[in-house]
Amino acid sequence: MNEIVNELRKDLEMGDVEQKIRYAVGSAAAGAAIFAPLSYKWKGVLAAVAADAILTAIYGISPWRKLIRA
């Protein structure tokens, strides 16, 4: 069982550079959602992008990468 978990984790983990890029994208999207004069629809989209980017950078696992490789 442990081997399966390690194999899945290896497929989903990201490197340090990708993590830093995700932090930057998430921060930029959050800043735009807060300060840009946009409609609430676009602010919601930017907030969702920011949350996804920052949370995947924090946990170091990208579920989207697994979907793309499948």
Protein backbone atom coordinates (compact mmCIF):
# COMPACT_ATOMS: atom_id res chain seq x y z
CA MET A 1 0.00 0.00 0.00
CA ASN A 2 2.84 2.35 0.82
CA GLU A 3 4.37 1.80 -2.62
CA ILE A 4 1.16 2.91 -4.33
CA VAL A 5 0.99 6.08 -2.25
CA ASN A 6 4.62 6.91 -3.00
CA GLU A 7 4.08 6.34 -6.72
CA LEU A 8 1.01 8.59 -6.80
CA ARG A 9 2.77 11.26 -4.79
CA LYS A 10 5.74 11.20 -7.18
CA ASP A 11 3.42 11.78 -10.14
CA LEU A 12 1.68 14.72 -8.48
CA GLU A 13 4.55 16.52 -6.73
CA MET A 14 5.96 19.73 -8.12
CA GLY A 15 9.38 21.32 -7.97
CA ASP A 16 10.50 24.45 -6.18
CA VAL A 17 10.38 26.60 -9.31
CA GLU A 18 6.82 25.56 -10.11
CA GLN A 19 5.82 26.24 -6.52
CA LYS A 20 7.24 29.77 -6.67
CA ILE A 21 5.49 30.41 -9.99
CA ARG A 22 2.18 29.26 -8.51
CA TYR A 23 2.66 31.59 -5.53
CA ALA A 24 3.33 34.48 -7.93
CA VAL A 25 0.32 33.71 -10.14
CA GLY A 26 -1.92 33.30 -7.11
CA SER A 27 -0.74 36.54 -5.56
CA ALA A 28 -1.20 38.44 -8.81
CA ALA A 29 -4.70 37.04 -9.30
CA ALA A 30 -5.65 37.87 -5.70
CA GLY A 31 -4.31 41.41 -6.08
CA ALA A 32 -6.21 41.90 -9.31
CA ALA A 33 -9.39 40.52 -7.74
CA ILE A 34 -9.08 42.97 -4.87
CA PHE A 35 -7.90 46.15 -6.56
CA ALA A 36 -8.96 46.00 -10.23
CA PRO A 37 -12.20 47.75 -11.18
CA LEU A 38 -13.92 44.64 -12.56
CA SER A 39 -17.40 43.19 -12.33
CA TYR A 40 -18.14 40.72 -9.55
CA LYS A 41 -18.15 37.85 -12.05
CA TRP A 42 -14.52 38.49 -12.99
CA LYS A 43 -13.53 39.08 -9.39
CA GLY A 44 -14.95 35.65 -8.57
CA VAL A 45 -13.01 34.04 -11.41
CA LEU A 46 -9.79 35.71 -10.28
CA ALA A 47 -10.42 34.70 -6.67
CA ALA A 48 -10.92 31.08 -7.74
CA VAL A 49 -7.69 31.12 -9.77
CA ALA A 50 -5.85 32.67 -6.83
CA ALA A 51 -7.18 30.11 -4.37
CA ASP A 52 -6.31 27.20 -6.67
CA ALA A 53 -2.79 28.45 -7.37
CA ILE A 54 -1.95 29.29 -3.77
CA LEU A 55 -3.41 26.11 -2.29
CA THR A 56 -1.66 23.85 -4.78
CA ALA A 57 1.61 25.68 -4.04
CA ILE A 58 1.12 25.24 -0.29
CA TYR A 59 0.37 21.53 -0.48
CA GLY A 60 2.88 20.90 -3.27
CA ILE A 61 0.49 18.64 -5.15
CA SER A 62 -1.26 19.49 -8.38
CA PRO A 63 -4.40 17.44 -9.10
CA TRP A 64 -4.70 19.10 -12.53
CA ARG A 65 -1.39 17.57 -13.59
CA LYS A 66 -2.77 14.09 -12.95
CA LEU A 67 -5.85 14.86 -15.08
CA ILE A 68 -3.71 16.13 -17.94
CA ARG A 69 -1.48 13.04 -17.92
CA ALA A 70 -4.39 10.60 -17.84
